[in-house]
N, C-alpha and C. Protein backbone atom coordinates (compact mmCIF):
# COMPACT_ATOMS: atom_id res chain seq x y z
N UNK A 1 -52.83 39.28 31.63
CA UNK A 1 -53.79 38.97 30.77
C UNK A 1 -53.41 37.76 29.92
N UNK A 2 -54.28 36.81 29.87
CA UNK A 2 -53.83 35.37 29.16
C UNK A 2 -54.27 35.73 27.69
N UNK A 3 -53.29 35.57 26.87
CA UNK A 3 -53.42 35.59 25.35
C UNK A 3 -53.88 34.31 24.86
N UNK A 4 -54.91 34.41 23.89
CA UNK A 4 -55.42 33.21 23.14
C UNK A 4 -54.26 32.60 22.37
N UNK A 5 -54.36 31.19 22.37
CA UNK A 5 -53.45 30.54 21.54
C UNK A 5 -53.89 30.81 20.17
N UNK A 6 -53.05 30.79 19.19
CA UNK A 6 -53.19 30.98 17.73
C UNK A 6 -54.10 32.19 17.58
N UNK A 7 -53.62 33.41 17.84
CA UNK A 7 -54.42 34.57 17.71
C UNK A 7 -54.35 35.01 16.17
N UNK A 8 -55.35 35.76 15.88
CA UNK A 8 -55.45 36.17 14.50
C UNK A 8 -54.75 37.39 14.33
N UNK A 9 -53.95 37.47 13.25
CA UNK A 9 -53.27 38.81 12.98
C UNK A 9 -53.99 39.59 11.94
N UNK A 10 -54.92 40.44 12.39
CA UNK A 10 -55.80 41.18 11.48
C UNK A 10 -55.17 41.77 10.37
N UNK A 11 -54.00 42.39 10.62
CA UNK A 11 -53.26 43.24 9.56
C UNK A 11 -52.93 42.31 8.42
N UNK A 12 -52.17 41.14 8.86
CA UNK A 12 -51.74 40.11 7.94
C UNK A 12 -52.93 39.57 7.10
N UNK A 13 -54.16 39.27 7.71
CA UNK A 13 -55.32 38.77 6.94
C UNK A 13 -55.93 39.80 5.92
N UNK A 14 -55.87 40.99 6.41
CA UNK A 14 -56.28 41.98 5.52
C UNK A 14 -55.35 42.24 4.15
N UNK A 15 -54.22 42.12 4.51
CA UNK A 15 -53.28 42.13 3.38
C UNK A 15 -53.31 40.93 2.45
N UNK A 16 -53.55 39.76 3.04
CA UNK A 16 -53.65 38.67 2.19
C UNK A 16 -55.03 38.57 1.50
N UNK A 17 -56.18 39.23 2.11
CA UNK A 17 -57.35 39.40 1.44
C UNK A 17 -57.22 40.16 0.20
N UNK A 18 -56.46 41.24 0.36
CA UNK A 18 -56.34 42.11 -0.82
C UNK A 18 -55.69 41.37 -2.02
N UNK A 19 -54.53 40.70 -1.56
CA UNK A 19 -53.77 39.92 -2.54
C UNK A 19 -54.67 38.90 -3.26
N UNK A 20 -55.24 38.07 -2.50
CA UNK A 20 -56.11 37.07 -2.89
C UNK A 20 -57.17 37.53 -3.89
N UNK A 21 -57.86 38.56 -3.41
CA UNK A 21 -59.06 39.02 -4.39
C UNK A 21 -58.45 39.69 -5.64
N UNK A 22 -57.15 39.89 -5.66
CA UNK A 22 -56.53 40.57 -6.83
C UNK A 22 -56.03 39.41 -7.73
N UNK A 23 -56.21 38.19 -7.32
CA UNK A 23 -55.91 37.06 -8.07
C UNK A 23 -54.54 36.23 -7.60
N UNK A 24 -54.09 36.53 -6.57
CA UNK A 24 -52.91 35.81 -6.04
C UNK A 24 -53.35 34.64 -5.31
N UNK A 25 -53.21 33.37 -5.76
CA UNK A 25 -53.62 32.07 -5.13
C UNK A 25 -52.82 31.77 -3.93
N UNK A 26 -51.61 32.04 -4.08
CA UNK A 26 -50.61 31.78 -2.93
C UNK A 26 -51.16 32.51 -1.78
N UNK A 27 -51.84 33.70 -1.78
CA UNK A 27 -52.19 34.39 -0.62
C UNK A 27 -53.35 33.62 0.02
N UNK A 28 -54.20 32.93 -0.70
CA UNK A 28 -55.16 32.08 -0.18
C UNK A 28 -54.61 31.04 0.64
N UNK A 29 -53.66 30.37 0.17
CA UNK A 29 -52.92 29.20 0.87
C UNK A 29 -52.46 29.73 2.21
N UNK A 30 -51.94 30.89 2.21
CA UNK A 30 -51.29 31.55 3.32
C UNK A 30 -52.32 32.06 4.35
N UNK A 31 -53.54 32.55 3.94
CA UNK A 31 -54.60 32.96 4.65
C UNK A 31 -55.30 31.79 5.55
N UNK A 32 -55.44 30.73 4.71
CA UNK A 32 -56.07 29.41 5.18
C UNK A 32 -55.12 28.73 6.42
N UNK A 33 -53.73 28.86 6.07
CA UNK A 33 -52.85 28.35 6.89
C UNK A 33 -52.90 29.15 8.26
N UNK A 34 -53.01 30.52 8.32
CA UNK A 34 -53.11 31.35 9.33
C UNK A 34 -54.46 31.28 10.11
N UNK A 35 -55.49 31.24 9.40
CA UNK A 35 -56.77 31.32 9.92
C UNK A 35 -57.15 29.94 10.56
N UNK A 36 -56.78 28.83 9.95
CA UNK A 36 -57.32 27.46 10.57
C UNK A 36 -57.27 27.21 11.92
N UNK A 37 -56.02 27.18 12.63
CA UNK A 37 -56.02 26.99 13.92
C UNK A 37 -56.82 27.79 14.86
N UNK A 38 -56.81 29.26 14.42
CA UNK A 38 -57.59 30.16 15.25
C UNK A 38 -59.12 30.02 15.13
N UNK A 39 -59.50 29.61 13.90
CA UNK A 39 -60.88 29.29 13.64
C UNK A 39 -61.39 28.07 14.44
N UNK A 40 -60.49 27.00 14.57
CA UNK A 40 -60.91 25.87 15.26
C UNK A 40 -61.09 26.27 16.71
N UNK A 41 -60.24 27.06 17.29
CA UNK A 41 -60.43 27.50 18.64
C UNK A 41 -61.70 28.49 18.90
N UNK A 42 -61.92 29.28 17.98
CA UNK A 42 -63.22 30.09 17.89
C UNK A 42 -64.36 29.18 17.84
N UNK A 43 -64.54 28.42 16.92
CA UNK A 43 -65.62 27.48 16.76
C UNK A 43 -65.95 26.53 17.91
N UNK A 44 -64.76 25.96 18.40
CA UNK A 44 -64.89 24.95 19.72
C UNK A 44 -65.46 25.80 20.82
N UNK A 45 -65.26 27.05 20.88
CA UNK A 45 -65.65 27.95 22.10
C UNK A 45 -67.06 28.32 22.02
N UNK A 46 -67.74 28.26 20.87
CA UNK A 46 -69.04 28.58 20.66
C UNK A 46 -69.99 27.66 21.55
N UNK A 47 -70.84 28.28 22.32
CA UNK A 47 -71.79 27.57 23.36
C UNK A 47 -72.74 26.73 22.36
N UNK A 48 -73.11 27.10 21.24
CA UNK A 48 -73.83 26.18 20.36
C UNK A 48 -73.26 24.86 20.12
N UNK A 49 -71.91 24.85 19.90
CA UNK A 49 -71.39 23.60 19.56
C UNK A 49 -71.44 22.55 20.78
N UNK A 50 -71.66 22.99 21.96
CA UNK A 50 -71.93 22.07 23.00
C UNK A 50 -73.14 21.15 22.83
N UNK A 51 -74.01 21.80 22.07
CA UNK A 51 -75.29 20.90 21.84
C UNK A 51 -74.87 19.60 20.95
N UNK A 52 -73.68 19.71 20.27
CA UNK A 52 -73.24 18.62 19.60
C UNK A 52 -72.15 17.79 20.29
N UNK A 53 -72.09 18.16 21.52
CA UNK A 53 -70.99 17.44 22.48
C UNK A 53 -69.70 18.04 22.14
N UNK A 54 -69.51 19.13 21.52
CA UNK A 54 -68.10 19.82 21.34
C UNK A 54 -67.19 18.72 20.56
N UNK A 55 -67.87 17.86 19.70
CA UNK A 55 -67.08 16.97 18.98
C UNK A 55 -65.91 17.62 18.14
N UNK A 56 -64.74 16.98 18.19
CA UNK A 56 -63.74 17.55 17.25
C UNK A 56 -64.15 17.47 15.84
N UNK A 57 -64.86 16.25 15.44
CA UNK A 57 -65.28 16.01 14.17
C UNK A 57 -66.13 17.22 13.72
N UNK A 58 -67.18 17.45 14.56
CA UNK A 58 -68.16 18.57 14.16
C UNK A 58 -67.43 19.92 14.11
N UNK A 59 -66.44 20.32 14.92
CA UNK A 59 -65.63 21.44 14.97
C UNK A 59 -64.89 21.49 13.56
N UNK A 60 -64.20 20.40 13.18
CA UNK A 60 -63.44 20.46 12.00
C UNK A 60 -64.34 20.63 10.78
N UNK A 61 -65.67 19.98 10.87
CA UNK A 61 -66.70 20.18 9.72
C UNK A 61 -67.06 21.71 9.61
N UNK A 62 -67.31 22.35 10.77
CA UNK A 62 -67.66 23.71 10.70
C UNK A 62 -66.65 24.63 10.30
N UNK A 63 -65.36 24.42 10.59
CA UNK A 63 -64.19 25.13 10.01
C UNK A 63 -64.03 24.91 8.64
N UNK A 64 -64.23 23.61 8.12
CA UNK A 64 -64.18 23.51 6.68
C UNK A 64 -65.24 24.19 5.91
N UNK A 65 -66.55 24.16 6.46
CA UNK A 65 -67.51 25.06 5.89
C UNK A 65 -67.28 26.48 5.81
N UNK A 66 -66.66 26.99 6.94
CA UNK A 66 -66.24 28.34 7.06
C UNK A 66 -65.30 28.68 6.01
N UNK A 67 -64.26 28.03 5.88
CA UNK A 67 -63.26 28.27 4.94
C UNK A 67 -63.91 28.26 3.45
N UNK A 68 -64.68 27.18 3.36
CA UNK A 68 -65.34 27.11 1.95
C UNK A 68 -66.13 28.40 1.68
N UNK A 69 -66.79 28.72 2.64
CA UNK A 69 -67.73 30.06 2.51
C UNK A 69 -66.94 31.08 2.09
N UNK A 70 -65.69 31.29 2.49
CA UNK A 70 -64.75 32.41 2.19
C UNK A 70 -64.16 32.33 0.83
N UNK A 71 -63.86 31.06 0.44
CA UNK A 71 -63.15 30.96 -0.87
C UNK A 71 -63.88 30.39 -1.98
N UNK A 72 -65.33 30.05 -1.82
CA UNK A 72 -65.95 29.70 -2.85
C UNK A 72 -66.13 30.73 -3.92
N UNK A 73 -66.33 30.24 -5.14
CA UNK A 73 -66.52 31.22 -6.35
C UNK A 73 -65.57 32.33 -6.39
N UNK A 74 -64.34 32.03 -6.27
CA UNK A 74 -63.27 33.13 -6.40
C UNK A 74 -63.28 33.99 -5.33
N UNK A 75 -63.57 33.59 -4.13
CA UNK A 75 -63.54 34.44 -2.91
C UNK A 75 -64.76 35.34 -2.81
N UNK A 76 -65.85 34.97 -3.14
CA UNK A 76 -67.05 35.74 -2.94
C UNK A 76 -67.16 36.18 -1.61
N UNK A 77 -67.07 35.12 -0.65
CA UNK A 77 -67.24 35.43 0.70
C UNK A 77 -66.26 36.41 1.18
N UNK A 78 -64.99 36.31 0.93
CA UNK A 78 -63.88 37.23 1.34
C UNK A 78 -64.21 38.60 0.80
N UNK A 79 -64.82 38.75 -0.33
CA UNK A 79 -65.08 40.06 -0.89
C UNK A 79 -66.03 40.89 -0.14
N UNK A 80 -66.84 40.13 0.61
CA UNK A 80 -67.75 40.72 1.48
C UNK A 80 -67.11 41.69 2.54
N UNK A 81 -65.81 41.33 2.90
CA UNK A 81 -65.09 41.96 4.09
C UNK A 81 -64.93 43.36 3.87
N UNK A 82 -64.59 43.70 2.67
CA UNK A 82 -64.25 45.08 2.31
C UNK A 82 -65.40 46.09 2.50
N UNK A 83 -66.64 45.76 2.17
CA UNK A 83 -67.75 46.61 2.28
C UNK A 83 -68.20 46.62 3.72
N UNK A 84 -68.02 45.48 4.51
CA UNK A 84 -68.44 45.40 5.95
C UNK A 84 -67.32 46.15 6.62
N UNK A 85 -66.19 46.23 6.30
CA UNK A 85 -65.35 47.23 7.14
C UNK A 85 -65.45 48.61 6.66
N UNK A 86 -65.81 48.99 5.52
CA UNK A 86 -66.17 50.24 5.34
C UNK A 86 -67.40 50.69 6.17
N UNK A 87 -68.35 49.89 6.37
CA UNK A 87 -69.52 50.19 7.28
C UNK A 87 -69.13 50.22 8.68
N UNK A 88 -68.13 49.48 9.02
CA UNK A 88 -67.59 49.31 10.54
C UNK A 88 -66.12 49.67 10.59
N UNK A 89 -65.61 50.99 10.35
CA UNK A 89 -64.23 51.30 10.48
C UNK A 89 -63.57 51.13 11.75
N UNK A 90 -64.33 51.04 12.81
CA UNK A 90 -63.76 50.83 14.08
C UNK A 90 -63.49 49.30 14.32
N UNK A 91 -63.89 48.38 13.45
CA UNK A 91 -63.65 47.01 13.62
C UNK A 91 -62.53 46.52 12.74
N UNK A 92 -62.19 45.19 12.93
CA UNK A 92 -61.05 44.55 12.18
C UNK A 92 -61.41 43.24 11.53
N UNK A 93 -60.63 42.66 10.79
CA UNK A 93 -60.77 41.43 10.20
C UNK A 93 -61.14 40.23 11.48
N UNK A 94 -60.46 40.44 12.56
CA UNK A 94 -60.77 39.60 13.64
C UNK A 94 -62.15 39.54 14.00
N UNK A 95 -62.83 40.73 14.16
CA UNK A 95 -64.27 40.88 14.39
C UNK A 95 -65.04 40.33 13.31
N UNK A 96 -64.67 40.44 12.13
CA UNK A 96 -65.53 40.01 11.06
C UNK A 96 -65.53 38.55 11.01
N UNK A 97 -64.24 37.83 11.21
CA UNK A 97 -64.25 36.46 11.00
C UNK A 97 -65.01 35.81 12.17
N UNK A 98 -65.15 36.33 13.32
CA UNK A 98 -65.91 35.74 14.47
C UNK A 98 -67.37 35.91 14.16
N UNK A 99 -67.83 36.94 13.41
CA UNK A 99 -69.30 36.91 13.03
C UNK A 99 -69.55 36.01 12.07
N UNK A 100 -68.73 35.80 11.05
CA UNK A 100 -68.74 34.72 10.08
C UNK A 100 -68.83 33.16 10.73
N UNK A 101 -67.77 33.14 11.69
CA UNK A 101 -67.85 31.80 12.40
C UNK A 101 -69.10 31.58 13.05
N UNK A 102 -69.56 32.59 13.69
CA UNK A 102 -70.97 32.38 14.39
C UNK A 102 -72.00 32.10 13.56
N UNK A 103 -72.01 32.65 12.46
CA UNK A 103 -73.24 32.39 11.46
C UNK A 103 -72.98 30.92 11.04
N UNK A 104 -71.63 30.43 10.84
CA UNK A 104 -71.41 29.15 10.16
C UNK A 104 -71.79 28.04 11.06
N UNK A 105 -71.53 28.37 12.49
CA UNK A 105 -71.85 27.48 13.61
C UNK A 105 -73.31 27.29 13.50
N UNK A 106 -74.05 28.50 13.61
CA UNK A 106 -75.62 28.47 13.79
C UNK A 106 -76.10 27.54 12.57
N UNK A 107 -75.73 27.78 11.38
CA UNK A 107 -76.04 26.95 10.08
C UNK A 107 -75.87 25.53 10.49
N UNK A 108 -74.71 25.16 10.88
CA UNK A 108 -74.35 23.87 11.00
C UNK A 108 -75.22 23.24 11.98
N UNK A 109 -75.40 23.83 13.12
CA UNK A 109 -76.28 23.23 14.27
C UNK A 109 -77.66 23.08 13.90
N UNK A 110 -78.18 24.12 13.03
CA UNK A 110 -79.38 23.86 12.51
C UNK A 110 -79.59 22.74 11.66
N UNK A 111 -78.59 22.54 10.83
CA UNK A 111 -78.64 21.47 9.78
C UNK A 111 -78.58 20.06 10.43
N UNK A 112 -77.89 20.04 11.63
CA UNK A 112 -77.93 18.87 12.35
C UNK A 112 -78.86 18.69 13.49
N UNK A 113 -80.06 19.46 13.42
CA UNK A 113 -81.00 19.38 14.40
C UNK A 113 -81.41 18.10 14.69
N UNK A 114 -81.61 17.23 13.70
CA UNK A 114 -82.17 15.76 14.06
C UNK A 114 -81.40 15.05 14.95
N UNK A 115 -80.04 15.39 15.04
CA UNK A 115 -79.12 14.71 16.10
C UNK A 115 -79.33 15.13 17.34
N UNK A 116 -79.90 16.58 17.70
CA UNK A 116 -80.12 17.05 18.87
C UNK A 116 -81.57 16.67 19.31
N UNK A 117 -82.50 16.28 18.46
CA UNK A 117 -83.87 16.22 18.99
C UNK A 117 -84.22 14.84 19.22
N UNK A 118 -83.30 13.88 19.19
CA UNK A 118 -83.57 12.38 19.31
C UNK A 118 -84.38 12.12 20.48
N UNK A 119 -84.00 12.61 21.66
CA UNK A 119 -84.76 12.45 22.93
C UNK A 119 -85.85 13.39 23.20
N UNK A 120 -86.06 14.31 22.41
CA UNK A 120 -87.02 15.58 22.53
C UNK A 120 -88.56 14.82 22.46
N UNK A 121 -89.33 15.41 23.14
CA UNK A 121 -90.85 14.96 23.01
C UNK A 121 -91.34 15.29 21.65
N UNK A 122 -92.19 14.62 21.22
CA UNK A 122 -92.75 14.81 19.90
C UNK A 122 -93.41 16.33 19.78
N UNK A 123 -94.11 16.68 20.71
CA UNK A 123 -94.79 17.93 20.78
C UNK A 123 -94.55 18.71 21.98
N UNK A 124 -94.25 19.92 21.90
CA UNK A 124 -94.12 20.79 23.15
C UNK A 124 -95.09 21.92 23.13
N UNK A 125 -95.99 21.93 23.96
CA UNK A 125 -97.04 23.14 23.92
C UNK A 125 -96.45 24.42 24.09
N UNK A 126 -97.07 25.59 23.58
CA UNK A 126 -96.61 26.97 23.78
C UNK A 126 -96.45 27.30 25.12
N UNK A 127 -97.43 26.74 26.04
CA UNK A 127 -97.26 27.18 27.50
C UNK A 127 -95.98 26.66 28.05
N UNK A 128 -95.90 25.44 27.86
CA UNK A 128 -94.68 24.72 28.39
C UNK A 128 -93.31 25.42 27.93
N UNK A 129 -93.32 25.57 26.57
CA UNK A 129 -92.21 26.22 25.91
C UNK A 129 -91.71 27.67 26.48
N UNK A 130 -93.02 28.44 26.68
CA UNK A 130 -92.65 29.75 27.12
C UNK A 130 -92.31 29.58 28.72
N UNK A 131 -92.78 28.77 29.28
CA UNK A 131 -92.60 28.65 30.69
C UNK A 131 -91.05 28.31 31.00
N UNK A 132 -90.55 27.31 30.16
CA UNK A 132 -89.08 27.03 30.17
C UNK A 132 -88.33 28.32 30.02
N UNK A 133 -88.79 29.12 29.07
CA UNK A 133 -87.97 30.41 28.70
C UNK A 133 -88.20 31.39 29.63
N UNK A 134 -89.44 31.76 30.10
CA UNK A 134 -89.74 32.89 30.91
C UNK A 134 -89.35 32.73 32.42
N UNK A 135 -89.29 31.59 32.80
CA UNK A 135 -88.90 31.09 34.11
C UNK A 135 -87.40 30.88 34.46
N UNK A 136 -86.65 30.93 33.35
CA UNK A 136 -85.16 30.73 33.36
C UNK A 136 -84.53 32.22 33.97
N UNK A 137 -83.30 31.93 34.50
CA UNK A 137 -82.63 33.00 35.12
C UNK A 137 -82.29 33.99 34.00
N UNK A 138 -82.20 33.61 32.82
CA UNK A 138 -81.83 34.48 31.62
C UNK A 138 -82.74 35.66 31.54
N UNK A 139 -84.15 35.49 31.74
CA UNK A 139 -84.93 36.51 31.48
C UNK A 139 -84.92 37.45 32.59
N UNK A 140 -84.30 37.10 33.82
CA UNK A 140 -84.32 38.10 34.96
C UNK A 140 -82.92 38.83 34.87
N UNK A 141 -81.87 38.15 34.47
CA UNK A 141 -80.67 38.64 34.35
C UNK A 141 -80.00 38.32 32.98
N UNK A 142 -80.02 39.14 32.06
CA UNK A 142 -79.50 38.89 30.73
C UNK A 142 -78.13 38.63 30.81
N UNK A 143 -77.71 37.54 30.64
CA UNK A 143 -76.31 37.36 30.74
C UNK A 143 -76.14 35.69 30.70
N UNK A 144 -77.26 35.02 31.05
CA UNK A 144 -77.06 33.42 30.96
C UNK A 144 -78.24 33.04 30.05
N UNK A 145 -77.98 32.11 29.02
CA UNK A 145 -79.06 31.78 28.12
C UNK A 145 -79.99 30.82 28.74
N UNK A 146 -81.24 30.64 28.14
CA UNK A 146 -82.14 29.66 28.60
C UNK A 146 -81.55 28.36 28.37
N UNK A 147 -81.94 27.23 29.23
CA UNK A 147 -81.27 25.95 29.20
C UNK A 147 -81.87 25.10 28.08
N UNK A 148 -81.90 25.56 26.72
CA UNK A 148 -82.49 24.79 25.75
C UNK A 148 -81.39 23.57 25.37
N UNK A 149 -81.96 22.30 25.48
CA UNK A 149 -81.13 21.40 25.15
C UNK A 149 -81.59 20.54 23.95
N UNK A 150 -82.85 20.95 23.35
CA UNK A 150 -83.28 20.20 22.25
C UNK A 150 -83.48 21.18 21.16
N UNK A 151 -83.10 20.96 20.08
CA UNK A 151 -83.02 21.81 18.84
C UNK A 151 -84.66 22.01 18.55
N UNK A 152 -85.43 20.93 18.75
CA UNK A 152 -86.84 21.07 18.50
C UNK A 152 -87.53 22.12 19.35
N UNK A 153 -86.94 22.40 20.57
CA UNK A 153 -87.50 23.38 21.54
C UNK A 153 -87.08 24.75 20.89
N UNK A 154 -85.93 24.86 20.49
CA UNK A 154 -85.51 26.20 20.05
C UNK A 154 -86.22 26.55 18.80
N UNK A 155 -86.44 25.57 17.90
CA UNK A 155 -87.18 25.86 16.74
C UNK A 155 -88.63 26.31 16.95
N UNK A 156 -89.30 25.67 17.92
CA UNK A 156 -90.66 26.08 18.25
C UNK A 156 -90.68 27.55 18.91
N UNK A 157 -89.74 27.78 19.76
CA UNK A 157 -89.63 29.17 20.19
C UNK A 157 -89.35 30.26 19.15
N UNK A 158 -88.57 29.84 18.29
CA UNK A 158 -88.36 30.83 17.11
C UNK A 158 -89.68 30.99 16.40
N UNK A 159 -90.43 29.82 16.09
CA UNK A 159 -91.68 29.97 15.43
C UNK A 159 -92.68 30.80 16.04
N UNK A 160 -92.69 30.56 17.45
CA UNK A 160 -93.73 31.37 18.25
C UNK A 160 -93.32 32.83 18.28
N UNK A 161 -91.96 32.96 18.48
CA UNK A 161 -91.55 34.50 18.72
C UNK A 161 -91.71 35.24 17.44
N UNK A 162 -91.57 34.48 16.36
CA UNK A 162 -91.56 35.23 14.95
C UNK A 162 -92.94 35.85 14.79
N UNK A 163 -93.91 35.30 15.49
CA UNK A 163 -95.29 35.83 15.24
C UNK A 163 -95.61 36.97 16.25
N UNK A 164 -94.79 37.20 17.15
CA UNK A 164 -95.08 38.23 18.19
C UNK A 164 -94.03 39.36 18.32
N UNK A 165 -92.77 39.18 17.73
CA UNK A 165 -91.63 40.15 17.94
C UNK A 165 -91.47 40.95 16.60
N UNK A 166 -91.05 42.20 16.80
CA UNK A 166 -90.64 43.05 15.76
C UNK A 166 -89.39 42.16 15.13
N UNK A 167 -89.07 42.51 13.81
CA UNK A 167 -87.96 41.63 13.21
C UNK A 167 -86.70 41.95 13.83
N UNK A 168 -86.23 43.11 14.38
CA UNK A 168 -85.02 43.37 15.02
C UNK A 168 -84.93 42.48 16.24
N UNK A 169 -85.98 42.59 17.08
CA UNK A 169 -85.98 41.92 18.29
C UNK A 169 -85.95 40.39 18.08
N UNK A 170 -86.72 39.85 17.27
CA UNK A 170 -86.68 38.53 16.96
C UNK A 170 -85.37 37.93 16.57
N UNK A 171 -84.58 38.72 15.74
CA UNK A 171 -83.32 38.31 15.28
C UNK A 171 -82.30 38.37 16.37
N UNK A 172 -82.36 39.48 17.12
CA UNK A 172 -81.45 39.63 18.26
C UNK A 172 -81.56 38.37 19.28
N UNK A 173 -82.91 38.16 19.57
CA UNK A 173 -83.19 37.02 20.55
C UNK A 173 -82.58 35.76 19.98
N UNK A 174 -82.93 35.43 18.72
CA UNK A 174 -82.59 34.22 18.35
C UNK A 174 -80.96 34.04 18.19
N UNK A 175 -80.34 35.14 17.81
CA UNK A 175 -78.81 35.01 17.88
C UNK A 175 -78.41 34.93 18.96
N UNK A 176 -78.95 35.40 20.19
CA UNK A 176 -78.51 35.28 21.51
C UNK A 176 -78.75 33.94 22.15
N UNK A 177 -79.92 33.31 21.85
CA UNK A 177 -80.26 32.01 22.27
C UNK A 177 -79.22 31.10 21.57
N UNK A 178 -78.81 31.29 20.31
CA UNK A 178 -77.88 30.27 19.60
C UNK A 178 -76.52 30.49 19.83
N UNK A 179 -76.20 31.37 20.83
CA UNK A 179 -74.81 31.51 21.44
C UNK A 179 -74.06 32.62 20.96
N UNK A 180 -74.51 33.76 20.34
CA UNK A 180 -73.92 35.00 19.94
C UNK A 180 -73.74 35.92 21.24
N UNK A 181 -72.63 36.44 21.28
CA UNK A 181 -72.54 37.43 22.33
C UNK A 181 -73.14 38.75 21.96
N UNK A 182 -73.35 39.84 22.78
CA UNK A 182 -73.99 40.94 22.34
C UNK A 182 -73.02 41.85 21.48
N UNK A 183 -71.65 41.79 21.52
CA UNK A 183 -70.92 42.46 20.46
C UNK A 183 -71.23 41.71 19.06
N UNK A 184 -71.29 40.40 19.15
CA UNK A 184 -71.47 39.75 17.77
C UNK A 184 -73.02 40.07 17.26
N UNK A 185 -73.99 40.25 18.13
CA UNK A 185 -75.27 40.47 17.59
C UNK A 185 -75.26 41.90 17.10
N UNK A 186 -74.51 42.89 17.75
CA UNK A 186 -74.50 44.18 17.39
C UNK A 186 -73.90 44.23 15.98
N UNK A 187 -72.64 43.62 15.75
CA UNK A 187 -72.17 43.45 14.56
C UNK A 187 -73.07 42.92 13.33
N UNK A 188 -73.80 41.79 13.77
CA UNK A 188 -74.59 41.22 12.72
C UNK A 188 -75.75 42.08 12.34
N UNK A 189 -76.30 42.91 13.31
CA UNK A 189 -77.55 43.69 13.05
C UNK A 189 -77.26 45.20 12.67
N UNK A 190 -75.89 45.42 12.80
CA UNK A 190 -75.50 46.75 12.42
C UNK A 190 -75.94 47.77 13.51
N UNK A 191 -75.90 47.41 14.73
CA UNK A 191 -76.28 48.16 15.94
C UNK A 191 -74.91 49.09 16.41
N UNK A 192 -75.22 49.96 17.35
CA UNK A 192 -74.19 50.88 17.78
C UNK A 192 -73.18 50.22 18.81
N UNK A 193 -73.71 49.07 19.34
CA UNK A 193 -72.74 48.46 20.30
C UNK A 193 -73.49 47.27 21.05
N UNK A 194 -72.69 46.68 22.07
CA UNK A 194 -73.35 45.63 22.71
C UNK A 194 -74.56 46.00 23.66
N UNK A 195 -74.54 47.20 24.08
CA UNK A 195 -75.68 47.57 24.88
C UNK A 195 -77.05 47.83 24.25
N UNK A 196 -76.75 48.27 22.94
CA UNK A 196 -77.98 48.28 21.92
C UNK A 196 -78.59 46.83 21.86
N UNK A 197 -77.56 45.88 21.53
CA UNK A 197 -78.05 44.55 21.35
C UNK A 197 -78.69 43.96 22.54
N UNK A 198 -78.16 44.14 23.79
CA UNK A 198 -78.73 43.70 24.92
C UNK A 198 -80.20 44.33 25.24
N UNK A 199 -80.44 45.52 24.82
CA UNK A 199 -81.71 46.28 24.96
C UNK A 199 -82.67 45.43 24.06
N UNK A 200 -82.24 45.10 22.87
CA UNK A 200 -83.17 44.27 22.00
C UNK A 200 -83.61 43.13 22.59
N UNK A 201 -82.60 42.29 23.12
CA UNK A 201 -82.89 41.07 23.73
C UNK A 201 -83.86 41.18 24.95
N UNK A 202 -83.65 42.17 25.66
CA UNK A 202 -84.46 42.48 26.98
C UNK A 202 -85.92 42.81 26.50
N UNK A 203 -85.98 43.50 25.56
CA UNK A 203 -87.30 44.03 24.80
C UNK A 203 -88.16 42.69 24.36
N UNK A 204 -87.33 41.92 23.63
CA UNK A 204 -87.96 40.70 23.24
C UNK A 204 -88.47 39.69 24.32
N UNK A 205 -87.50 39.68 25.38
CA UNK A 205 -88.02 38.79 26.56
C UNK A 205 -89.21 39.51 27.14
N UNK A 206 -89.33 40.64 27.22
CA UNK A 206 -90.57 41.40 27.97
C UNK A 206 -91.68 41.01 27.13
N UNK A 207 -91.55 40.99 25.74
CA UNK A 207 -92.83 40.66 25.02
C UNK A 207 -93.31 39.24 25.18
N UNK A 208 -92.40 38.37 25.29
CA UNK A 208 -92.66 36.99 25.53
C UNK A 208 -93.32 36.74 27.02
N UNK A 209 -92.72 37.45 27.81
CA UNK A 209 -93.44 37.44 29.17
C UNK A 209 -94.83 37.84 29.15
N UNK A 210 -95.08 39.02 28.61
CA UNK A 210 -96.46 39.42 28.54
C UNK A 210 -97.37 38.37 27.77
N UNK A 211 -96.88 37.90 26.76
CA UNK A 211 -97.64 36.94 25.96
C UNK A 211 -97.94 35.70 26.83
N UNK A 212 -96.93 35.26 27.50
CA UNK A 212 -97.21 34.19 28.56
C UNK A 212 -98.12 34.44 29.40
N UNK A 213 -98.11 35.63 29.98
CA UNK A 213 -99.06 36.00 31.00
C UNK A 213 -100.48 35.92 30.64
N UNK A 214 -100.72 36.29 29.34
CA UNK A 214 -102.03 36.36 28.86
C UNK A 214 -102.54 34.84 28.57
N UNK A 215 -101.73 34.14 28.10
CA UNK A 215 -101.89 32.46 27.72
C UNK A 215 -102.04 31.66 28.91
N UNK A 216 -101.44 32.10 29.92
CA UNK A 216 -101.21 31.13 31.17
C UNK A 216 -102.59 30.81 31.77
């Protein structure tokens, strides 16, 4: 088994979080020093970052935002870890930081949507949009995401789906399209596991397929 470079030591991180939230500023420096290289690897591996060309500048910006999220306002972000761990005792700091990283990537890509939509058509009709989605291999075999290359397309799909899907299905589908794995979706939505997340995505796809069939 190939071990990832710069692995996260969950036990060390948890101990440093306790020290930092108790007022130990040195613990914050140690935590950032430990997390930074691992977070660079995690962020760079997110499929959503490929929409920005996997630029190292963008990766560094996301990691900076991530670290800022954790440490702002005397560690308000880090203080969320304790309650999350209490709700998910089988998980660790490694799992939590990956969820935070996924959310930070999603926010960053959304904020830079204008860079992604430069070559996108001004208007994309609902039929074309759904056709791109429903005819992709992803809807037949959940495991490969639809080939969205323009943020504008993704935004329009989100707007359309939000009017037809239950909240949990809509959220699961959007997280999946934006690059989250089923484990991450399950953690984000408080589900029992990856299979429960996959079922939500499949259900969302089925709704979109039926809607497309009526509008075609």
